[in-house]
């Protein structure tokens, strides 16, 4: 299992896109905030973190698609610790191939208030 420390979330987020071979078929564990876009099926959500990409006025939510039978019980804004197996699939939300997290375990977690930084 690959445990993603809170301070390395941004590095991991980019690395998952640039080096899928490092993560495909592996299990990752991290803490994230739940986002539930209305267009997503009930068993799918976005776990992620807010990141500052250049300045305080330029923040974005960075997350990957996650599938779980437990997803309908989650509320947008919940903080969770997720353990999931990584696979890659073509999804319209990515405009091509991207990571899909198949959750193996989800449990409540303490919120992480600080933003993700890339510098």
PDB file of N, CA and C in Angstrom:
ATOM      1  N   UNK A   1       0.829  -1.179   0.000  1.00  0.00           N
ATOM      2  CA  UNK A   1       0.000   0.000   0.000  1.00  0.00           C
ATOM      3  C   UNK A   1       0.881   1.252   0.000  1.00  0.00           C
ATOM      4  N   UNK A   2       0.445   2.243  -0.762  1.00  0.00           N
ATOM      5  CA  UNK A   2       1.150   3.520  -0.829  1.00  0.00           C
ATOM      6  C   UNK A   2       0.355   4.537  -0.014  1.00  0.00           C
ATOM      7  N   UNK A   3       0.932   4.992   1.094  1.00  0.00           N
ATOM      8  CA  UNK A   3       0.269   5.996   1.925  1.00  0.00           C
ATOM      9  C   UNK A   3       0.706   7.375   1.461  1.00  0.00           C
ATOM     10  N   UNK A   4      -0.268   8.235   1.155  1.00  0.00           N
ATOM     11  CA  UNK A   4       0.026   9.575   0.663  1.00  0.00           C
ATOM     12  C   UNK A   4      -0.050  10.558   1.834  1.00  0.00           C
ATOM     13  N   UNK A   5       1.105  11.075   2.302  1.00  0.00           N
ATOM     14  CA  UNK A   5       1.076  12.056   3.392  1.00  0.00           C
ATOM     15  C   UNK A   5       0.357  13.331   2.940  1.00  0.00           C
ATOM     16  N   UNK A   6      -0.298  14.000   3.848  1.00  0.00           N
ATOM     17  CA  UNK A   6      -1.075  15.198   3.506  1.00  0.00           C
ATOM     18  C   UNK A   6      -0.246  16.246   2.787  1.00  0.00           C
ATOM     19  N   UNK A   7       1.028  16.396   3.167  1.00  0.00           N
ATOM     20  CA  UNK A   7       1.876  17.412   2.537  1.00  0.00           C
ATOM     21  C   UNK A   7       2.322  17.017   1.129  1.00  0.00           C
ATOM     22  N   UNK A   8       2.142  15.757   0.743  1.00  0.00           N
ATOM     23  CA  UNK A   8       2.550  15.291  -0.587  1.00  0.00           C
ATOM     24  C   UNK A   8       1.379  15.106  -1.547  1.00  0.00           C
ATOM     25  N   UNK A   9       0.175  15.536  -1.156  1.00  0.00           N
ATOM     26  CA  UNK A   9      -1.002  15.308  -1.991  1.00  0.00           C
ATOM     27  C   UNK A   9      -0.826  15.895  -3.395  1.00  0.00           C
ATOM     28  N   UNK A  10      -0.342  17.126  -3.499  1.00  0.00           N
ATOM     29  CA  UNK A  10      -0.171  17.767  -4.805  1.00  0.00           C
ATOM     30  C   UNK A  10       0.812  17.029  -5.695  1.00  0.00           C
ATOM     31  N   UNK A  11       1.922  16.592  -5.115  1.00  0.00           N
ATOM     32  CA  UNK A  11       2.930  15.835  -5.871  1.00  0.00           C
ATOM     33  C   UNK A  11       2.321  14.531  -6.371  1.00  0.00           C
ATOM     34  N   UNK A  12       1.595  13.840  -5.486  1.00  0.00           N
ATOM     35  CA  UNK A  12       0.946  12.582  -5.866  1.00  0.00           C
ATOM     36  C   UNK A  12      -0.096  12.804  -6.952  1.00  0.00           C
ATOM     37  N   UNK A  13      -0.883  13.864  -6.838  1.00  0.00           N
ATOM     38  CA  UNK A  13      -1.930  14.157  -7.818  1.00  0.00           C
ATOM     39  C   UNK A  13      -1.335  14.278  -9.227  1.00  0.00           C
ATOM     40  N   UNK A  14      -0.262  15.024  -9.355  1.00  0.00           N
ATOM     41  CA  UNK A  14       0.402  15.197 -10.653  1.00  0.00           C
ATOM     42  C   UNK A  14       1.061  13.892 -11.102  1.00  0.00           C
ATOM     43  N   UNK A  15       1.728  13.204 -10.182  1.00  0.00           N
ATOM     44  CA  UNK A  15       2.434  11.962 -10.512  1.00  0.00           C
ATOM     45  C   UNK A  15       1.477  10.888 -11.037  1.00  0.00           C
ATOM     46  N   UNK A  16       0.256  10.835 -10.511  1.00  0.00           N
ATOM     47  CA  UNK A  16      -0.737   9.854 -10.977  1.00  0.00           C
ATOM     48  C   UNK A  16      -1.060  10.067 -12.452  1.00  0.00           C
ATOM     49  N   UNK A  17      -1.014  11.316 -12.901  1.00  0.00           N
ATOM     50  CA  UNK A  17      -1.302  11.628 -14.301  1.00  0.00           C
ATOM     51  C   UNK A  17      -0.093  11.379 -15.193  1.00  0.00           C
ATOM     52  N   UNK A  18       1.072  11.768 -14.704  1.00  0.00           N
ATOM     53  CA  UNK A  18       2.281  11.686 -15.522  1.00  0.00           C
ATOM     54  C   UNK A  18       2.908  10.302 -15.551  1.00  0.00           C
ATOM     55  N   UNK A  19       2.700   9.495 -14.510  1.00  0.00           N
ATOM     56  CA  UNK A  19       3.320   8.170 -14.413  1.00  0.00           C
ATOM     57  C   UNK A  19       2.312   7.113 -13.960  1.00  0.00           C
ATOM     58  N   UNK A  20       1.305   6.836 -14.792  1.00  0.00           N
ATOM     59  CA  UNK A  20       0.281   5.859 -14.386  1.00  0.00           C
ATOM     60  C   UNK A  20       0.849   4.482 -14.072  1.00  0.00           C
ATOM     61  N   UNK A  21       1.955   4.136 -14.688  1.00  0.00           N
ATOM     62  CA  UNK A  21       2.552   2.814 -14.453  1.00  0.00           C
ATOM     63  C   UNK A  21       2.991   2.627 -12.999  1.00  0.00           C
ATOM     64  N   UNK A  22       3.245   3.719 -12.294  1.00  0.00           N
ATOM     65  CA  UNK A  22       3.649   3.629 -10.881  1.00  0.00           C
ATOM     66  C   UNK A  22       2.476   3.256  -9.968  1.00  0.00           C
ATOM     67  N   UNK A  23       1.256   3.492 -10.432  1.00  0.00           N
ATOM     68  CA  UNK A  23       0.084   3.347  -9.565  1.00  0.00           C
ATOM     69  C   UNK A  23      -0.930   2.313 -10.027  1.00  0.00           C
ATOM     70  N   UNK A  24      -0.943   1.992 -11.299  1.00  0.00           N
ATOM     71  CA  UNK A  24      -1.934   1.058 -11.841  1.00  0.00           C
ATOM     72  C   UNK A  24      -1.890  -0.269 -11.083  1.00  0.00           C
ATOM     73  N   UNK A  25      -3.049  -0.668 -10.531  1.00  0.00           N
ATOM     74  CA  UNK A  25      -3.139  -1.920  -9.791  1.00  0.00           C
ATOM     75  C   UNK A  25      -2.678  -1.842  -8.347  1.00  0.00           C
ATOM     76  N   UNK A  26      -2.148  -0.689  -7.941  1.00  0.00           N
ATOM     77  CA  UNK A  26      -1.658  -0.516  -6.566  1.00  0.00           C
ATOM     78  C   UNK A  26      -2.775   0.038  -5.683  1.00  0.00           C
ATOM     79  N   UNK A  27      -2.596  -0.096  -4.384  1.00  0.00           N
ATOM     80  CA  UNK A  27      -3.536   0.450  -3.411  1.00  0.00           C
ATOM     81  C   UNK A  27      -2.925   1.709  -2.804  1.00  0.00           C
ATOM     82  N   UNK A  28      -3.715   2.786  -2.773  1.00  0.00           N
ATOM     83  CA  UNK A  28      -3.270   4.051  -2.186  1.00  0.00           C
ATOM     84  C   UNK A  28      -4.188   4.404  -1.016  1.00  0.00           C
ATOM     85  N   UNK A  29      -3.654   5.190  -0.082  1.00  0.00           N
ATOM     86  CA  UNK A  29      -4.455   5.639   1.058  1.00  0.00           C
ATOM     87  C   UNK A  29      -4.152   7.108   1.313  1.00  0.00           C
ATOM     88  N   UNK A  30      -5.208   7.913   1.478  1.00  0.00           N
ATOM     89  CA  UNK A  30      -5.034   9.346   1.693  1.00  0.00           C
ATOM     90  C   UNK A  30      -6.294   9.926   2.331  1.00  0.00           C
ATOM     91  N   UNK A  31      -6.159  11.154   2.844  1.00  0.00           N
ATOM     92  CA  UNK A  31      -7.285  11.879   3.431  1.00  0.00           C
ATOM     93  C   UNK A  31      -7.734  12.935   2.428  1.00  0.00           C
ATOM     94  N   UNK A  32      -9.061  13.040   2.238  1.00  0.00           N
ATOM     95  CA  UNK A  32      -9.593  13.971   1.247  1.00  0.00           C
ATOM     96  C   UNK A  32     -10.987  14.451   1.637  1.00  0.00           C
ATOM     97  N   UNK A  33     -11.391  15.518   0.978  1.00  0.00           N
ATOM     98  CA  UNK A  33     -12.735  16.066   1.138  1.00  0.00           C
ATOM     99  C   UNK A  33     -13.627  15.490   0.039  1.00  0.00           C
ATOM    100  N   UNK A  34     -14.863  15.184   0.385  1.00  0.00           N
ATOM    101  CA  UNK A  34     -15.809  14.600  -0.569  1.00  0.00           C
ATOM    102  C   UNK A  34     -16.475  15.693  -1.405  1.00  0.00           C
ATOM    103  N   UNK A  35     -16.462  15.486  -2.724  1.00  0.00           N
ATOM    104  CA  UNK A  35     -17.209  16.330  -3.651  1.00  0.00           C
ATOM    105  C   UNK A  35     -18.129  15.398  -4.431  1.00  0.00           C
ATOM    106  N   UNK A  36     -19.395  15.790  -4.595  1.00  0.00           N
ATOM    107  CA  UNK A  36     -20.370  14.928  -5.271  1.00  0.00           C
ATOM    108  C   UNK A  36     -21.083  15.703  -6.379  1.00  0.00           C
ATOM    109  N   UNK A  37     -20.478  15.751  -7.576  1.00  0.00           N
ATOM    110  CA  UNK A  37     -21.146  16.430  -8.690  1.00  0.00           C
ATOM    111  C   UNK A  37     -22.503  15.777  -8.994  1.00  0.00           C
ATOM    112  N   UNK A  38     -23.495  16.591  -9.302  1.00  0.00           N
ATOM    113  CA  UNK A  38     -24.844  16.091  -9.559  1.00  0.00           C
ATOM    114  C   UNK A  38     -24.898  15.106 -10.726  1.00  0.00           C
ATOM    115  N   UNK A  39     -24.024  15.273 -11.701  1.00  0.00           N
ATOM    116  CA  UNK A  39     -24.041  14.410 -12.884  1.00  0.00           C
ATOM    117  C   UNK A  39     -23.464  13.015 -12.618  1.00  0.00           C
ATOM    118  N   UNK A  40     -22.812  12.824 -11.478  1.00  0.00           N
ATOM    119  CA  UNK A  40     -22.192  11.529 -11.177  1.00  0.00           C
ATOM    120  C   UNK A  40     -23.237  10.516 -10.722  1.00  0.00           C
ATOM    121  N   UNK A  41     -23.035   9.236 -11.062  1.00  0.00           N
ATOM    122  CA  UNK A  41     -23.908   8.180 -10.525  1.00  0.00           C
ATOM    123  C   UNK A  41     -23.801   8.138  -8.995  1.00  0.00           C
ATOM    124  N   UNK A  42     -24.779   7.531  -8.333  1.00  0.00           N
ATOM    125  CA  UNK A  42     -24.837   7.546  -6.867  1.00  0.00           C
ATOM    126  C   UNK A  42     -23.640   6.880  -6.195  1.00  0.00           C
ATOM    127  N   UNK A  43     -23.011   5.918  -6.858  1.00  0.00           N
ATOM    128  CA  UNK A  43     -21.884   5.205  -6.245  1.00  0.00           C
ATOM    129  C   UNK A  43     -20.526   5.774  -6.657  1.00  0.00           C
ATOM    130  N   UNK A  44     -20.540   7.006  -7.162  1.00  0.00           N
ATOM    131  CA  UNK A  44     -19.304   7.654  -7.612  1.00  0.00           C
ATOM    132  C   UNK A  44     -19.198   9.036  -6.955  1.00  0.00           C
ATOM    133  N   UNK A  45     -17.987   9.393  -6.526  1.00  0.00           N
ATOM    134  CA  UNK A  45     -17.737  10.724  -5.962  1.00  0.00           C
ATOM    135  C   UNK A  45     -16.307  11.130  -6.262  1.00  0.00           C
ATOM    136  N   UNK A  46     -15.982  12.371  -5.916  1.00  0.00           N
ATOM    137  CA  UNK A  46     -14.639  12.929  -6.095  1.00  0.00           C
ATOM    138  C   UNK A  46     -14.025  13.163  -4.722  1.00  0.00           C
ATOM    139  N   UNK A  47     -13.048  12.392  -4.299  1.00  0.00           N
ATOM    140  CA  UNK A  47     -12.295  12.777  -3.111  1.00  0.00           C
ATOM    141  C   UNK A  47     -11.135  13.667  -3.556  1.00  0.00           C
ATOM    142  N   UNK A  48     -10.907  14.754  -2.860  1.00  0.00           N
ATOM    143  CA  UNK A  48      -9.816  15.634  -3.272  1.00  0.00           C
ATOM    144  C   UNK A  48      -9.522  16.702  -2.242  1.00  0.00           C
ATOM    145  N   UNK A  49      -8.698  17.651  -2.660  1.00  0.00           N
ATOM    146  CA  UNK A  49      -8.269  18.752  -1.795  1.00  0.00           C
ATOM    147  C   UNK A  49      -8.252  20.039  -2.609  1.00  0.00           C
ATOM    148  N   UNK A  50      -8.388  21.153  -1.928  1.00  0.00           N
ATOM    149  CA  UNK A  50      -8.267  22.458  -2.572  1.00  0.00           C
ATOM    150  C   UNK A  50      -6.781  22.785  -2.714  1.00  0.00           C
ATOM    151  N   UNK A  51      -6.435  23.304  -3.894  1.00  0.00           N
ATOM    152  CA  UNK A  51      -5.031  23.615  -4.175  1.00  0.00           C
ATOM    153  C   UNK A  51      -4.898  25.038  -4.694  1.00  0.00           C
ATOM    154  N   UNK A  52      -3.802  25.679  -4.302  1.00  0.00           N
ATOM    155  CA  UNK A  52      -3.482  26.994  -4.829  1.00  0.00           C
ATOM    156  C   UNK A  52      -2.542  26.784  -6.005  1.00  0.00           C
ATOM    157  N   UNK A  53      -3.003  27.173  -7.198  1.00  0.00           N
ATOM    158  CA  UNK A  53      -2.195  26.934  -8.389  1.00  0.00           C
ATOM    159  C   UNK A  53      -1.279  28.103  -8.728  1.00  0.00           C
ATOM    160  N   UNK A  54      -1.622  29.314  -8.300  1.00  0.00           N
ATOM    161  CA  UNK A  54      -0.677  30.421  -8.503  1.00  0.00           C
ATOM    162  C   UNK A  54      -0.772  31.465  -7.401  1.00  0.00           C
ATOM    163  N   UNK A  55      -2.003  31.845  -7.033  1.00  0.00           N
ATOM    164  CA  UNK A  55      -2.184  32.876  -6.008  1.00  0.00           C
ATOM    165  C   UNK A  55      -3.451  32.581  -5.208  1.00  0.00           C
ATOM    166  N   UNK A  56      -3.674  33.334  -4.153  1.00  0.00           N
ATOM    167  CA  UNK A  56      -4.814  33.067  -3.262  1.00  0.00           C
ATOM    168  C   UNK A  56      -6.160  33.114  -3.983  1.00  0.00           C
ATOM    169  N   UNK A  57      -6.244  33.902  -5.052  1.00  0.00           N
ATOM    170  CA  UNK A  57      -7.496  33.994  -5.810  1.00  0.00           C
ATOM    171  C   UNK A  57      -7.641  32.878  -6.836  1.00  0.00           C
ATOM    172  N   UNK A  58      -6.653  32.015  -6.929  1.00  0.00           N
ATOM    173  CA  UNK A  58      -6.665  30.960  -7.947  1.00  0.00           C
ATOM    174  C   UNK A  58      -6.559  29.591  -7.279  1.00  0.00           C
ATOM    175  N   UNK A  59      -7.667  29.124  -6.722  1.00  0.00           N
ATOM    176  CA  UNK A  59      -7.678  27.804  -6.099  1.00  0.00           C
ATOM    177  C   UNK A  59      -8.590  26.879  -6.894  1.00  0.00           C
ATOM    178  N   UNK A  60      -8.252  25.600  -6.893  1.00  0.00           N
ATOM    179  CA  UNK A  60      -9.026  24.589  -7.610  1.00  0.00           C
ATOM    180  C   UNK A  60      -9.129  23.338  -6.758  1.00  0.00           C
ATOM    181  N   UNK A  61     -10.209  22.599  -6.952  1.00  0.00           N
ATOM    182  CA  UNK A  61     -10.386  21.318  -6.273  1.00  0.00           C
ATOM    183  C   UNK A  61      -9.707  20.249  -7.117  1.00  0.00           C
ATOM    184  N   UNK A  62      -8.763  19.514  -6.525  1.00  0.00           N
ATOM    185  CA  UNK A  62      -8.030  18.468  -7.233  1.00  0.00           C
ATOM    186  C   UNK A  62      -8.423  17.111  -6.669  1.00  0.00           C
ATOM    187  N   UNK A  63      -9.078  16.318  -7.486  1.00  0.00           N
ATOM    188  CA  UNK A  63      -9.489  14.995  -7.049  1.00  0.00           C
ATOM    189  C   UNK A  63      -9.632  14.054  -8.228  1.00  0.00           C
ATOM    190  N   UNK A  64      -9.813  12.791  -7.919  1.00  0.00           N
ATOM    191  CA  UNK A  64     -10.004  11.765  -8.941  1.00  0.00           C
ATOM    192  C   UNK A  64     -11.315  11.037  -8.700  1.00  0.00           C
ATOM    193  N   UNK A  65     -11.869  10.484  -9.747  1.00  0.00           N
ATOM    194  CA  UNK A  65     -13.107   9.717  -9.663  1.00  0.00           C
ATOM    195  C   UNK A  65     -12.897   8.515  -8.741  1.00  0.00           C
ATOM    196  N   UNK A  66     -13.840   8.308  -7.834  1.00  0.00           N
ATOM    197  CA  UNK A  66     -13.781   7.177  -6.905  1.00  0.00           C
ATOM    198  C   UNK A  66     -15.129   6.467  -6.909  1.00  0.00           C
ATOM    199  N   UNK A  67     -15.090   5.147  -7.013  1.00  0.00           N
ATOM    200  CA  UNK A  67     -16.309   4.337  -6.985  1.00  0.00           C
ATOM    201  C   UNK A  67     -16.371   3.565  -5.677  1.00  0.00           C
ATOM    202  N   UNK A  68     -17.576   3.564  -5.075  1.00  0.00           N
ATOM    203  CA  UNK A  68     -17.763   2.848  -3.822  1.00  0.00           C
ATOM    204  C   UNK A  68     -19.249   2.630  -3.561  1.00  0.00           C
ATOM    205  N   UNK A  69     -19.589   1.449  -3.071  1.00  0.00           N
ATOM    206  CA  UNK A  69     -20.972   1.179  -2.665  1.00  0.00           C
ATOM    207  C   UNK A  69     -21.359   2.077  -1.489  1.00  0.00           C
ATOM    208  N   UNK A  70     -20.377   2.586  -0.766  1.00  0.00           N
ATOM    209  CA  UNK A  70     -20.598   3.445   0.398  1.00  0.00           C
ATOM    210  C   UNK A  70     -20.861   4.906  -0.004  1.00  0.00           C
ATOM    211  N   UNK A  71     -20.568   5.266  -1.251  1.00  0.00           N
ATOM    212  CA  UNK A  71     -20.676   6.655  -1.710  1.00  0.00           C
ATOM    213  C   UNK A  71     -22.032   7.309  -1.439  1.00  0.00           C
ATOM    214  N   UNK A  72     -23.168   6.607  -1.600  1.00  0.00           N
ATOM    215  CA  UNK A  72     -24.456   7.268  -1.332  1.00  0.00           C
ATOM    216  C   UNK A  72     -24.606   7.756   0.113  1.00  0.00           C
ATOM    217  N   UNK A  73     -23.837   7.196   1.034  1.00  0.00           N
ATOM    218  CA  UNK A  73     -23.917   7.597   2.442  1.00  0.00           C
ATOM    219  C   UNK A  73     -23.039   8.812   2.752  1.00  0.00           C
ATOM    220  N   UNK A  74     -22.187   9.187   1.806  1.00  0.00           N
ATOM    221  CA  UNK A  74     -21.298  10.332   2.008  1.00  0.00           C
ATOM    222  C   UNK A  74     -22.006  11.625   1.645  1.00  0.00           C
ATOM    223  N   UNK A  75     -21.650  12.685   2.332  1.00  0.00           N
ATOM    224  CA  UNK A  75     -22.181  14.014   2.029  1.00  0.00           C
ATOM    225  C   UNK A  75     -21.067  14.890   1.485  1.00  0.00           C
ATOM    226  N   UNK A  76     -21.409  15.761   0.550  1.00  0.00           N
ATOM    227  CA  UNK A  76     -20.429  16.718   0.040  1.00  0.00           C
ATOM    228  C   UNK A  76     -19.876  17.506   1.218  1.00  0.00           C
ATOM    229  N   UNK A  77     -18.563  17.636   1.255  1.00  0.00           N
ATOM    230  CA  UNK A  77     -17.903  18.355   2.343  1.00  0.00           C
ATOM    231  C   UNK A  77     -17.379  17.472   3.457  1.00  0.00           C
ATOM    232  N   UNK A  78     -17.811  16.202   3.493  1.00  0.00           N
ATOM    233  CA  UNK A  78     -17.264  15.257   4.478  1.00  0.00           C
ATOM    234  C   UNK A  78     -15.773  15.071   4.234  1.00  0.00           C
ATOM    235  N   UNK A  79     -15.022  14.844   5.304  1.00  0.00           N
ATOM    236  CA  UNK A  79     -13.611  14.480   5.196  1.00  0.00           C
ATOM    237  C   UNK A  79     -13.490  12.995   5.494  1.00  0.00           C
ATOM    238  N   UNK A  80     -12.769  12.292   4.622  1.00  0.00           N
ATOM    239  CA  UNK A  80     -12.649  10.842   4.750  1.00  0.00           C
ATOM    240  C   UNK A  80     -11.219  10.380   4.507  1.00  0.00           C
ATOM    241  N   UNK A  81     -10.895   9.247   5.102  1.00  0.00           N
ATOM    242  CA  UNK A  81      -9.646   8.551   4.799  1.00  0.00           C
ATOM    243  C   UNK A  81     -10.047   7.415   3.867  1.00  0.00           C
ATOM    244  N   UNK A  82      -9.429   7.381   2.702  1.00  0.00           N
ATOM    245  CA  UNK A  82      -9.786   6.411   1.670  1.00  0.00           C
ATOM    246  C   UNK A  82      -8.621   5.485   1.388  1.00  0.00           C
ATOM    247  N   UNK A  83      -8.920   4.194   1.300  1.00  0.00           N
ATOM    248  CA  UNK A  83      -7.960   3.214   0.788  1.00  0.00           C
ATOM    249  C   UNK A  83      -8.606   2.662  -0.471  1.00  0.00           C
ATOM    250  N   UNK A  84      -7.898   2.770  -1.596  1.00  0.00           N
ATOM    251  CA  UNK A  84      -8.488   2.384  -2.875  1.00  0.00           C
ATOM    252  C   UNK A  84      -7.458   1.792  -3.822  1.00  0.00           C
ATOM    253  N   UNK A  85      -7.928   0.886  -4.659  1.00  0.00           N
ATOM    254  CA  UNK A  85      -7.099   0.318  -5.719  1.00  0.00           C
ATOM    255  C   UNK A  85      -7.219   1.228  -6.939  1.00  0.00           C
ATOM    256  N   UNK A  86      -6.095   1.493  -7.581  1.00  0.00           N
ATOM    257  CA  UNK A  86      -6.047   2.406  -8.719  1.00  0.00           C
ATOM    258  C   UNK A  86      -6.138   1.630 -10.026  1.00  0.00           C
ATOM    259  N   UNK A  87      -7.035   2.088 -10.881  1.00  0.00           N
ATOM    260  CA  UNK A  87      -7.071   1.602 -12.257  1.00  0.00           C
ATOM    261  C   UNK A  87      -7.224   2.828 -13.149  1.00  0.00           C
ATOM    262  N   UNK A  88      -7.096   2.639 -14.425  1.00  0.00           N
ATOM    263  CA  UNK A  88      -7.238   3.739 -15.374  1.00  0.00           C
ATOM    264  C   UNK A  88      -8.305   3.373 -16.391  1.00  0.00           C
ATOM    265  N   UNK A  89      -9.126   4.363 -16.766  1.00  0.00           N
ATOM    266  CA  UNK A  89     -10.210   4.126 -17.714  1.00  0.00           C
ATOM    267  C   UNK A  89     -10.493   5.411 -18.485  1.00  0.00           C
ATOM    268  N   UNK A  90     -11.079   5.261 -19.666  1.00  0.00           N
ATOM    269  CA  UNK A  90     -11.514   6.413 -20.446  1.00  0.00           C
ATOM    270  C   UNK A  90     -12.827   6.925 -19.873  1.00  0.00           C
ATOM    271  N   UNK A  91     -12.810   8.160 -19.390  1.00  0.00           N
ATOM    272  CA  UNK A  91     -14.007   8.776 -18.827  1.00  0.00           C
ATOM    273  C   UNK A  91     -14.177  10.172 -19.413  1.00  0.00           C
ATOM    274  N   UNK A  92     -15.421  10.551 -19.662  1.00  0.00           N
ATOM    275  CA  UNK A  92     -15.679  11.872 -20.238  1.00  0.00           C
ATOM    276  C   UNK A  92     -15.211  12.998 -19.318  1.00  0.00           C
ATOM    277  N   UNK A  93     -15.287  12.784 -18.007  1.00  0.00           N
ATOM    278  CA  UNK A  93     -14.857  13.809 -17.056  1.00  0.00           C
ATOM    279  C   UNK A  93     -13.368  14.139 -17.226  1.00  0.00           C
ATOM    280  N   UNK A  94     -12.587  13.182 -17.709  1.00  0.00           N
ATOM    281  CA  UNK A  94     -11.159  13.405 -17.957  1.00  0.00           C
ATOM    282  C   UNK A  94     -10.885  13.797 -19.410  1.00  0.00           C
ATOM    283  N   UNK A  95     -11.853  13.608 -20.282  1.00  0.00           N
ATOM    284  CA  UNK A  95     -11.612  13.858 -21.703  1.00  0.00           C
ATOM    285  C   UNK A  95     -10.650  12.838 -22.280  1.00  0.00           C
ATOM    286  N   UNK A  96     -10.647  11.639 -21.729  1.00  0.00           N
ATOM    287  CA  UNK A  96      -9.743  10.563 -22.142  1.00  0.00           C
ATOM    288  C   UNK A  96      -9.477   9.660 -20.960  1.00  0.00           C
ATOM    289  N   UNK A  97      -8.290   9.034 -20.969  1.00  0.00           N
ATOM    290  CA  UNK A  97      -7.971   8.104 -19.891  1.00  0.00           C
ATOM    291  C   UNK A  97      -7.521   8.853 -18.637  1.00  0.00           C
ATOM    292  N   UNK A  98      -7.974   8.351 -17.493  1.00  0.00           N
ATOM    293  CA  UNK A  98      -7.581   8.938 -16.222  1.00  0.00           C
ATOM    294  C   UNK A  98      -7.757   7.942 -15.098  1.00  0.00           C
ATOM    295  N   UNK A  99      -7.275   8.280 -13.902  1.00  0.00           N
ATOM    296  CA  UNK A  99      -7.355   7.373 -12.760  1.00  0.00           C
ATOM    297  C   UNK A  99      -8.784   7.179 -12.255  1.00  0.00           C
ATOM    298  N   UNK A 100      -9.087   5.955 -11.884  1.00  0.00           N
ATOM    299  CA  UNK A 100     -10.345   5.625 -11.220  1.00  0.00           C
ATOM    300  C   UNK A 100      -9.966   4.883  -9.944  1.00  0.00           C
ATOM    301  N   UNK A 101     -10.426   5.392  -8.825  1.00  0.00           N
ATOM    302  CA  UNK A 101     -10.139   4.773  -7.531  1.00  0.00           C
ATOM    303  C   UNK A 101     -11.295   3.850  -7.164  1.00  0.00           C
ATOM    304  N   UNK A 102     -10.982   2.587  -6.927  1.00  0.00           N
ATOM    305  CA  UNK A 102     -11.986   1.606  -6.500  1.00  0.00           C
ATOM    306  C   UNK A 102     -11.817   1.459  -4.990  1.00  0.00           C
ATOM    307  N   UNK A 103     -12.685   2.127  -4.224  1.00  0.00           N
ATOM    308  CA  UNK A 103     -12.531   2.187  -2.768  1.00  0.00           C
ATOM    309  C   UNK A 103     -12.639   0.812  -2.124  1.00  0.00           C
ATOM    310  N   UNK A 104     -11.689   0.512  -1.257  1.00  0.00           N
ATOM    311  CA  UNK A 104     -11.706  -0.716  -0.459  1.00  0.00           C
ATOM    312  C   UNK A 104     -12.145  -0.406   0.966  1.00  0.00           C
ATOM    313  N   UNK A 105     -11.859   0.827   1.416  1.00  0.00           N
ATOM    314  CA  UNK A 105     -12.238   1.240   2.767  1.00  0.00           C
ATOM    315  C   UNK A 105     -12.386   2.756   2.796  1.00  0.00           C
ATOM    316  N   UNK A 106     -13.439   3.217   3.466  1.00  0.00           N
ATOM    317  CA  UNK A 106     -13.669   4.651   3.661  1.00  0.00           C
ATOM    318  C   UNK A 106     -14.070   4.848   5.112  1.00  0.00           C
ATOM    319  N   UNK A 107     -13.384   5.773   5.784  1.00  0.00           N
ATOM    320  CA  UNK A 107     -13.731   6.065   7.177  1.00  0.00           C
ATOM    321  C   UNK A 107     -13.644   7.566   7.411  1.00  0.00           C
ATOM    322  N   UNK A 108     -14.368   8.091   8.392  1.00  0.00           N
ATOM    323  CA  UNK A 108     -14.313   9.528   8.683  1.00  0.00           C
ATOM    324  C   UNK A 108     -12.890   9.957   9.043  1.00  0.00           C
ATOM    325  N   UNK A 109     -12.564  11.207   8.720  1.00  0.00           N
ATOM    326  CA  UNK A 109     -11.229  11.739   9.020  1.00  0.00           C
ATOM    327  C   UNK A 109     -11.353  13.182   9.494  1.00  0.00           C
ATOM    328  N   UNK A 110     -10.320  13.636  10.176  1.00  0.00           N
ATOM    329  CA  UNK A 110     -10.249  15.030  10.600  1.00  0.00           C
ATOM    330  C   UNK A 110     -10.004  15.909   9.370  1.00  0.00           C
ATOM    331  N   UNK A 111     -10.647  17.074   9.298  1.00  0.00           N
ATOM    332  CA  UNK A 111     -10.431  17.974   8.161  1.00  0.00           C
ATOM    333  C   UNK A 111      -8.982  18.452   8.076  1.00  0.00           C
ATOM    334  N   UNK A 112      -8.546  18.679   6.859  1.00  0.00           N
ATOM    335  CA  UNK A 112      -7.231  19.276   6.592  1.00  0.00           C
ATOM    336  C   UNK A 112      -7.522  20.673   6.062  1.00  0.00           C
ATOM    337  N   UNK A 113      -7.202  21.672   6.850  1.00  0.00           N
ATOM    338  CA  UNK A 113      -7.563  23.043   6.483  1.00  0.00           C
ATOM    339  C   UNK A 113      -6.611  23.678   5.472  1.00  0.00           C
ATOM    340  N   UNK A 114      -5.337  23.315   5.520  1.00  0.00           N
ATOM    341  CA  UNK A 114      -4.394  23.986   4.641  1.00  0.00           C
ATOM    342  C   UNK A 114      -4.592  23.562   3.185  1.00  0.00           C
ATOM    343  N   UNK A 115      -4.255  24.490   2.300  1.00  0.00           N
ATOM    344  CA  UNK A 115      -4.338  24.227   0.868  1.00  0.00           C
ATOM    345  C   UNK A 115      -3.161  23.373   0.420  1.00  0.00           C
ATOM    346  N   UNK A 116      -3.316  22.763  -0.746  1.00  0.00           N
ATOM    347  CA  UNK A 116      -2.222  22.047  -1.399  1.00  0.00           C
ATOM    348  C   UNK A 116      -1.425  23.090  -2.186  1.00  0.00           C
ATOM    349  N   UNK A 117      -0.105  23.025  -2.087  1.00  0.00           N
ATOM    350  CA  UNK A 117       0.770  23.936  -2.832  1.00  0.00           C
ATOM    351  C   UNK A 117       1.681  23.125  -3.733  1.00  0.00           C
ATOM    352  N   UNK A 118       2.136  23.759  -4.821  1.00  0.00           N
ATOM    353  CA  UNK A 118       3.010  23.075  -5.770  1.00  0.00           C
ATOM    354  C   UNK A 118       4.407  23.670  -5.816  1.00  0.00           C
ATOM    355  N   UNK A 119       4.704  24.633  -4.956  1.00  0.00           N
ATOM    356  CA  UNK A 119       6.046  25.238  -5.004  1.00  0.00           C
ATOM    357  C   UNK A 119       6.751  25.082  -3.688  1.00  0.00           C
TER     358      UNK A 119
END
